[in-house]
Amino acid sequence: MIWYQEVIQKLNATGIFKECLIIGAKVRAMINETIFLDVYYDPTTKSYSYSLVDLELPYKGDKRIFGWDDYPHEGIEEMKKLKSYPHHFQFRKNDKWVFEESPMHGDIMKDIEVVIKAISEYLRRTKTKTTTTS
C-alpha cells in the first residue's frame, strides 16, 4: 500500500478531520475551514514534515501552530544541541520558535500516531471546533 493511503485511513478513523486531500506530494487533512494538518513524507529518504496550521494566526507568513520535521535549520545553533538533531518538534512561545527533542525518525506509521495524539490534545486544550464537536 502507498504510504499516503494508510495515513489517510488512520486520519479518517479519528473523526477529527472532515476531509483528507492529496495536494502534490503531501496529505492535507482539514479539521475545519482554517485549521489543517499537512503531512509530507518521502519514502525514499524518510524525510518528513508534519505541521498543524491555522490560517487565522496573526503572524505574517508561517502559520504553523506546531510541527515535527527533520530539516536541519542550519543557522539555529540551539537545534544542534538536541539529541534528536536534526529531528525536532517546534512550536511558538511568545512569538518565537522553540525547538525540542522529537521521537520522530521518519517512520510514517509510528509518527502519525504521535501526531494524531498531539493534535487531539491540542484541540481538547483549546476547545477548537472540529467535525466531531461542531
N, C-alpha and C. Protein backbone atom coordinates (compact mmCIF):
# COMPACT_ATOMS: atom_id res chain seq x y z
N MET A 1 0.85 -1.19 0.00
CA MET A 1 0.00 0.00 0.00
C MET A 1 0.89 1.25 0.00
N ILE A 2 0.50 2.24 -0.76
CA ILE A 2 1.23 3.50 -0.81
C ILE A 2 1.06 4.21 0.53
N TRP A 3 2.12 4.84 1.04
CA TRP A 3 2.13 5.41 2.39
C TRP A 3 0.94 6.30 2.67
N TYR A 4 0.57 7.15 1.71
CA TYR A 4 -0.48 8.12 1.99
C TYR A 4 -1.86 7.48 2.12
N GLN A 5 -2.06 6.34 1.49
CA GLN A 5 -3.36 5.66 1.64
C GLN A 5 -3.57 5.20 3.08
N GLU A 6 -2.53 4.63 3.67
CA GLU A 6 -2.61 4.19 5.07
C GLU A 6 -2.76 5.37 6.02
N VAL A 7 -2.02 6.44 5.75
CA VAL A 7 -2.11 7.64 6.58
C VAL A 7 -3.52 8.21 6.52
N ILE A 8 -4.08 8.33 5.34
CA ILE A 8 -5.44 8.85 5.19
C ILE A 8 -6.44 7.97 5.94
N GLN A 9 -6.27 6.66 5.87
CA GLN A 9 -7.16 5.76 6.62
C GLN A 9 -7.08 6.03 8.11
N LYS A 10 -5.87 6.18 8.63
CA LYS A 10 -5.68 6.46 10.06
C LYS A 10 -6.29 7.81 10.44
N LEU A 11 -6.07 8.82 9.62
CA LEU A 11 -6.61 10.15 9.91
C LEU A 11 -8.14 10.13 9.88
N ASN A 12 -8.71 9.50 8.87
CA ASN A 12 -10.17 9.42 8.77
C ASN A 12 -10.79 8.68 9.95
N ALA A 13 -10.10 7.66 10.45
CA ALA A 13 -10.62 6.84 11.55
C ALA A 13 -10.72 7.62 12.86
N THR A 14 -10.00 8.75 12.97
CA THR A 14 -10.01 9.52 14.23
C THR A 14 -11.30 10.30 14.44
N GLY A 15 -11.97 10.67 13.35
CA GLY A 15 -13.15 11.53 13.46
C GLY A 15 -12.80 13.00 13.65
N ILE A 16 -11.53 13.33 13.68
CA ILE A 16 -11.07 14.72 13.86
C ILE A 16 -11.15 15.51 12.56
N PHE A 17 -10.85 14.85 11.47
CA PHE A 17 -10.68 15.54 10.19
C PHE A 17 -11.92 15.41 9.32
N LYS A 18 -12.35 16.53 8.75
CA LYS A 18 -13.56 16.48 7.92
C LYS A 18 -13.25 16.05 6.49
N GLU A 19 -11.99 16.20 6.08
CA GLU A 19 -11.62 15.84 4.71
C GLU A 19 -10.11 15.65 4.63
N CYS A 20 -9.67 14.65 3.88
CA CYS A 20 -8.25 14.42 3.64
C CYS A 20 -8.02 14.48 2.14
N LEU A 21 -7.06 15.32 1.75
CA LEU A 21 -6.77 15.54 0.33
C LEU A 21 -5.31 15.22 0.05
N ILE A 22 -5.02 14.88 -1.19
CA ILE A 22 -3.64 14.75 -1.63
C ILE A 22 -3.35 15.99 -2.45
N ILE A 23 -2.39 16.78 -1.99
CA ILE A 23 -2.01 18.01 -2.67
C ILE A 23 -0.53 17.90 -3.00
N GLY A 24 -0.24 17.69 -4.26
CA GLY A 24 1.16 17.49 -4.66
C GLY A 24 1.72 16.26 -3.98
N ALA A 25 2.79 16.45 -3.20
CA ALA A 25 3.46 15.34 -2.53
C ALA A 25 3.06 15.21 -1.06
N LYS A 26 1.96 15.86 -0.67
CA LYS A 26 1.58 15.79 0.75
C LYS A 26 0.11 15.47 0.92
N VAL A 27 -0.22 15.08 2.13
CA VAL A 27 -1.61 14.88 2.53
C VAL A 27 -2.01 16.11 3.34
N ARG A 28 -3.16 16.67 3.02
CA ARG A 28 -3.72 17.77 3.82
C ARG A 28 -5.02 17.26 4.43
N ALA A 29 -5.07 17.30 5.76
CA ALA A 29 -6.24 16.82 6.49
C ALA A 29 -6.91 18.02 7.16
N MET A 30 -8.10 18.36 6.70
CA MET A 30 -8.82 19.54 7.17
C MET A 30 -9.54 19.24 8.48
N ILE A 31 -9.32 20.09 9.49
CA ILE A 31 -10.05 19.99 10.75
C ILE A 31 -11.29 20.87 10.68
N ASN A 32 -11.10 22.08 10.21
CA ASN A 32 -12.21 22.99 9.91
C ASN A 32 -11.76 23.87 8.75
N GLU A 33 -12.42 24.97 8.53
CA GLU A 33 -12.11 25.80 7.35
C GLU A 33 -10.72 26.43 7.39
N THR A 34 -10.16 26.63 8.60
CA THR A 34 -8.88 27.34 8.69
C THR A 34 -7.76 26.53 9.34
N ILE A 35 -8.07 25.39 9.93
CA ILE A 35 -7.05 24.59 10.61
C ILE A 35 -6.90 23.25 9.91
N PHE A 36 -5.65 22.90 9.62
CA PHE A 36 -5.41 21.63 8.94
C PHE A 36 -4.03 21.07 9.29
N LEU A 37 -3.89 19.79 9.04
CA LEU A 37 -2.62 19.10 9.19
C LEU A 37 -2.04 18.87 7.81
N ASP A 38 -0.77 19.23 7.63
CA ASP A 38 -0.04 18.90 6.41
C ASP A 38 0.96 17.80 6.74
N VAL A 39 0.92 16.72 5.97
CA VAL A 39 1.83 15.59 6.15
C VAL A 39 2.63 15.43 4.86
N TYR A 40 3.92 15.69 4.96
CA TYR A 40 4.83 15.46 3.84
C TYR A 40 5.75 14.31 4.25
N TYR A 41 5.95 13.37 3.35
CA TYR A 41 6.82 12.23 3.64
C TYR A 41 7.44 11.73 2.34
N ASP A 42 8.74 11.50 2.36
CA ASP A 42 9.44 10.93 1.22
C ASP A 42 9.88 9.52 1.60
N PRO A 43 9.23 8.50 1.06
CA PRO A 43 9.56 7.13 1.45
C PRO A 43 10.97 6.68 1.06
N THR A 44 11.57 7.36 0.10
CA THR A 44 12.93 7.00 -0.32
C THR A 44 13.96 7.47 0.70
N THR A 45 13.86 8.73 1.13
CA THR A 45 14.84 9.29 2.07
C THR A 45 14.35 9.25 3.51
N LYS A 46 13.08 8.99 3.71
CA LYS A 46 12.41 9.02 5.02
C LYS A 46 12.37 10.45 5.60
N SER A 47 12.55 11.44 4.74
CA SER A 47 12.43 12.83 5.14
C SER A 47 10.95 13.15 5.35
N TYR A 48 10.65 14.02 6.32
CA TYR A 48 9.26 14.27 6.67
C TYR A 48 9.05 15.67 7.24
N SER A 49 7.81 16.08 7.21
CA SER A 49 7.35 17.30 7.87
C SER A 49 5.88 17.10 8.19
N TYR A 50 5.54 17.22 9.47
CA TYR A 50 4.15 17.10 9.91
C TYR A 50 3.82 18.41 10.63
N SER A 51 2.88 19.18 10.09
CA SER A 51 2.60 20.51 10.64
C SER A 51 1.12 20.75 10.82
N LEU A 52 0.76 21.26 12.00
CA LEU A 52 -0.60 21.74 12.23
C LEU A 52 -0.60 23.23 11.91
N VAL A 53 -1.49 23.64 11.03
CA VAL A 53 -1.52 25.01 10.50
C VAL A 53 -2.86 25.65 10.83
N ASP A 54 -2.81 26.94 11.20
CA ASP A 54 -4.03 27.72 11.43
C ASP A 54 -3.91 29.01 10.62
N LEU A 55 -4.70 29.12 9.57
CA LEU A 55 -4.62 30.28 8.69
C LEU A 55 -5.02 31.58 9.38
N GLU A 56 -5.66 31.49 10.54
CA GLU A 56 -6.08 32.70 11.25
C GLU A 56 -5.05 33.20 12.27
N LEU A 57 -3.90 32.55 12.37
CA LEU A 57 -2.87 33.05 13.28
C LEU A 57 -2.44 34.45 12.83
N PRO A 58 -2.10 35.31 13.78
CA PRO A 58 -1.78 36.70 13.44
C PRO A 58 -0.39 36.91 12.84
N TYR A 59 0.40 35.86 12.73
CA TYR A 59 1.77 36.01 12.23
C TYR A 59 1.80 36.14 10.71
N LYS A 60 2.74 36.91 10.21
CA LYS A 60 2.93 37.02 8.77
C LYS A 60 3.64 35.77 8.28
N GLY A 61 3.26 35.29 7.12
CA GLY A 61 3.94 34.14 6.53
C GLY A 61 3.59 32.82 7.18
N ASP A 62 4.48 32.31 8.01
CA ASP A 62 4.37 30.98 8.61
C ASP A 62 3.17 30.90 9.57
N LYS A 63 2.23 30.05 9.27
CA LYS A 63 1.01 29.92 10.07
C LYS A 63 0.97 28.60 10.85
N ARG A 64 2.13 27.96 11.01
CA ARG A 64 2.15 26.70 11.77
C ARG A 64 1.89 26.95 13.25
N ILE A 65 1.09 26.07 13.85
CA ILE A 65 0.89 26.08 15.29
C ILE A 65 2.04 25.32 15.93
N PHE A 66 2.27 24.12 15.42
CA PHE A 66 3.41 23.31 15.83
C PHE A 66 3.66 22.25 14.77
N GLY A 67 4.81 21.59 14.90
CA GLY A 67 5.11 20.54 13.94
C GLY A 67 6.41 19.83 14.23
N TRP A 68 6.63 18.78 13.47
CA TRP A 68 7.84 17.97 13.56
C TRP A 68 8.45 17.89 12.17
N ASP A 69 9.76 17.91 12.10
CA ASP A 69 10.42 17.66 10.82
C ASP A 69 11.87 17.29 11.05
N ASP A 70 12.55 16.98 9.95
CA ASP A 70 13.96 16.61 10.04
C ASP A 70 14.84 17.60 9.28
N TYR A 71 14.31 18.81 9.06
CA TYR A 71 15.09 19.84 8.38
C TYR A 71 16.12 20.40 9.38
N PRO A 72 17.40 20.50 9.01
CA PRO A 72 18.43 20.88 9.97
C PRO A 72 18.47 22.35 10.40
N HIS A 73 17.75 23.26 9.74
CA HIS A 73 17.74 24.68 10.12
C HIS A 73 19.17 25.15 10.46
N GLU A 74 20.01 25.14 9.48
CA GLU A 74 21.45 25.40 9.63
C GLU A 74 21.83 26.57 10.54
N GLY A 75 21.12 27.68 10.50
CA GLY A 75 21.52 28.85 11.26
C GLY A 75 21.07 28.87 12.71
N ILE A 76 20.40 27.84 13.17
CA ILE A 76 19.85 27.84 14.53
C ILE A 76 20.70 26.92 15.40
N GLU A 77 21.62 27.53 16.17
CA GLU A 77 22.59 26.77 16.96
C GLU A 77 21.93 25.91 18.04
N GLU A 78 20.86 26.42 18.67
CA GLU A 78 20.20 25.66 19.75
C GLU A 78 19.71 24.30 19.26
N MET A 79 19.38 24.20 17.98
CA MET A 79 18.90 22.93 17.44
C MET A 79 19.98 21.86 17.44
N LYS A 80 21.20 22.27 17.17
CA LYS A 80 22.30 21.30 17.09
C LYS A 80 22.58 20.64 18.44
N LYS A 81 22.08 21.23 19.52
CA LYS A 81 22.27 20.68 20.87
C LYS A 81 21.26 19.57 21.18
N LEU A 82 20.23 19.46 20.36
CA LEU A 82 19.21 18.44 20.60
C LEU A 82 19.78 17.06 20.31
N LYS A 83 19.52 16.10 21.19
CA LYS A 83 19.99 14.73 20.98
C LYS A 83 19.37 14.13 19.72
N SER A 84 18.18 14.57 19.39
CA SER A 84 17.48 14.01 18.23
C SER A 84 17.80 14.75 16.92
N TYR A 85 18.68 15.76 16.97
CA TYR A 85 19.01 16.57 15.80
C TYR A 85 19.37 15.69 14.61
N PRO A 86 18.87 15.96 13.42
CA PRO A 86 18.07 17.11 13.00
C PRO A 86 16.56 16.96 13.27
N HIS A 87 16.15 15.80 13.78
CA HIS A 87 14.73 15.59 14.09
C HIS A 87 14.35 16.49 15.26
N HIS A 88 13.22 17.19 15.14
CA HIS A 88 12.81 18.11 16.20
C HIS A 88 11.32 18.39 16.16
N PHE A 89 10.83 18.89 17.28
CA PHE A 89 9.47 19.39 17.43
C PHE A 89 9.60 20.88 17.60
N GLN A 90 8.72 21.65 16.96
CA GLN A 90 8.80 23.10 17.13
C GLN A 90 7.42 23.69 17.33
N PHE A 91 7.38 24.75 18.15
CA PHE A 91 6.15 25.47 18.44
C PHE A 91 6.51 26.90 18.78
N ARG A 92 5.52 27.77 18.77
CA ARG A 92 5.75 29.18 19.09
C ARG A 92 5.48 29.43 20.57
N LYS A 93 6.35 30.23 21.15
CA LYS A 93 6.15 30.70 22.52
C LYS A 93 6.55 32.17 22.53
N ASN A 94 5.61 33.02 22.90
CA ASN A 94 5.87 34.47 22.90
C ASN A 94 6.41 34.94 21.55
N ASP A 95 5.77 34.50 20.49
CA ASP A 95 6.10 34.91 19.12
C ASP A 95 7.49 34.45 18.65
N LYS A 96 8.08 33.47 19.34
CA LYS A 96 9.40 32.97 18.97
C LYS A 96 9.33 31.45 18.85
N TRP A 97 10.02 30.88 17.87
CA TRP A 97 10.02 29.43 17.71
C TRP A 97 10.88 28.78 18.78
N VAL A 98 10.34 27.72 19.37
CA VAL A 98 11.05 26.91 20.36
C VAL A 98 11.24 25.53 19.74
N PHE A 99 12.45 24.98 19.88
CA PHE A 99 12.77 23.67 19.32
C PHE A 99 13.04 22.69 20.45
N GLU A 100 12.42 21.51 20.36
CA GLU A 100 12.58 20.48 21.38
C GLU A 100 12.91 19.14 20.73
N GLU A 101 13.35 18.20 21.58
CA GLU A 101 13.62 16.83 21.15
C GLU A 101 12.38 16.27 20.46
N SER A 102 12.59 15.33 19.57
CA SER A 102 11.49 14.68 18.88
C SER A 102 11.67 13.17 18.87
N PRO A 103 10.58 12.43 19.07
CA PRO A 103 10.66 10.97 18.97
C PRO A 103 10.59 10.49 17.52
N MET A 104 10.35 11.39 16.59
CA MET A 104 10.17 11.02 15.19
C MET A 104 11.51 10.65 14.53
N HIS A 105 11.43 9.70 13.60
CA HIS A 105 12.61 9.32 12.82
C HIS A 105 12.26 8.94 11.39
N GLY A 106 11.12 9.41 10.92
CA GLY A 106 10.74 9.13 9.54
C GLY A 106 10.07 7.79 9.34
N ASP A 107 9.51 7.23 10.41
CA ASP A 107 8.70 6.01 10.31
C ASP A 107 7.25 6.46 10.30
N ILE A 108 6.72 6.71 9.11
CA ILE A 108 5.44 7.39 8.94
C ILE A 108 4.30 6.75 9.75
N MET A 109 4.23 5.44 9.81
CA MET A 109 3.11 4.80 10.50
C MET A 109 3.20 4.96 12.02
N LYS A 110 4.41 4.98 12.57
CA LYS A 110 4.58 5.25 14.00
C LYS A 110 4.40 6.75 14.26
N ASP A 111 5.01 7.55 13.41
CA ASP A 111 4.96 9.00 13.58
C ASP A 111 3.54 9.53 13.57
N ILE A 112 2.71 9.03 12.67
CA ILE A 112 1.36 9.59 12.53
C ILE A 112 0.54 9.36 13.80
N GLU A 113 0.83 8.30 14.54
CA GLU A 113 0.14 8.06 15.81
C GLU A 113 0.47 9.16 16.82
N VAL A 114 1.74 9.56 16.89
CA VAL A 114 2.18 10.64 17.78
C VAL A 114 1.52 11.95 17.35
N VAL A 115 1.48 12.20 16.06
CA VAL A 115 0.88 13.42 15.52
C VAL A 115 -0.61 13.49 15.88
N ILE A 116 -1.32 12.41 15.67
CA ILE A 116 -2.76 12.37 15.98
C ILE A 116 -3.00 12.64 17.46
N LYS A 117 -2.21 12.01 18.31
CA LYS A 117 -2.36 12.21 19.76
C LYS A 117 -2.11 13.67 20.14
N ALA A 118 -1.05 14.26 19.60
CA ALA A 118 -0.72 15.66 19.91
C ALA A 118 -1.82 16.61 19.43
N ILE A 119 -2.36 16.35 18.25
CA ILE A 119 -3.43 17.20 17.73
C ILE A 119 -4.69 17.04 18.56
N SER A 120 -5.02 15.82 18.95
CA SER A 120 -6.19 15.59 19.81
C SER A 120 -6.06 16.37 21.11
N GLU A 121 -4.89 16.30 21.73
CA GLU A 121 -4.65 17.03 22.98
C GLU A 121 -4.75 18.53 22.76
N TYR A 122 -4.17 19.02 21.69
CA TYR A 122 -4.24 20.45 21.38
C TYR A 122 -5.69 20.90 21.21
N LEU A 123 -6.46 20.15 20.45
CA LEU A 123 -7.86 20.52 20.20
C LEU A 123 -8.68 20.49 21.48
N ARG A 124 -8.42 19.52 22.33
CA ARG A 124 -9.12 19.45 23.62
C ARG A 124 -8.76 20.65 24.49
N ARG A 125 -7.47 20.96 24.54
CA ARG A 125 -6.97 22.06 25.36
C ARG A 125 -7.52 23.41 24.89
N THR A 126 -7.61 23.58 23.59
CA THR A 126 -8.04 24.87 23.04
C THR A 126 -9.53 24.92 22.73
N LYS A 127 -10.19 23.77 22.89
CA LYS A 127 -11.63 23.66 22.60
C LYS A 127 -11.95 24.09 21.17
N THR A 128 -11.06 23.76 20.26
CA THR A 128 -11.25 24.06 18.84
C THR A 128 -12.38 23.22 18.28
N LYS A 129 -13.23 23.84 17.48
CA LYS A 129 -14.33 23.11 16.86
C LYS A 129 -13.80 22.24 15.73
N THR A 130 -14.19 20.97 15.79
CA THR A 130 -13.81 20.01 14.76
C THR A 130 -15.07 19.43 14.17
N THR A 131 -14.91 18.47 13.31
CA THR A 131 -16.07 17.82 12.71
C THR A 131 -16.87 17.06 13.75
N THR A 132 -16.23 16.60 14.83
CA THR A 132 -16.94 15.83 15.84
C THR A 132 -17.48 16.70 16.96
N THR A 133 -17.04 17.96 17.06
CA THR A 133 -17.50 18.82 18.15
C THR A 133 -18.35 19.98 17.67
N SER A 134 -18.50 20.15 16.38
CA SER A 134 -19.24 21.31 15.87
C SER A 134 -20.73 21.07 15.90
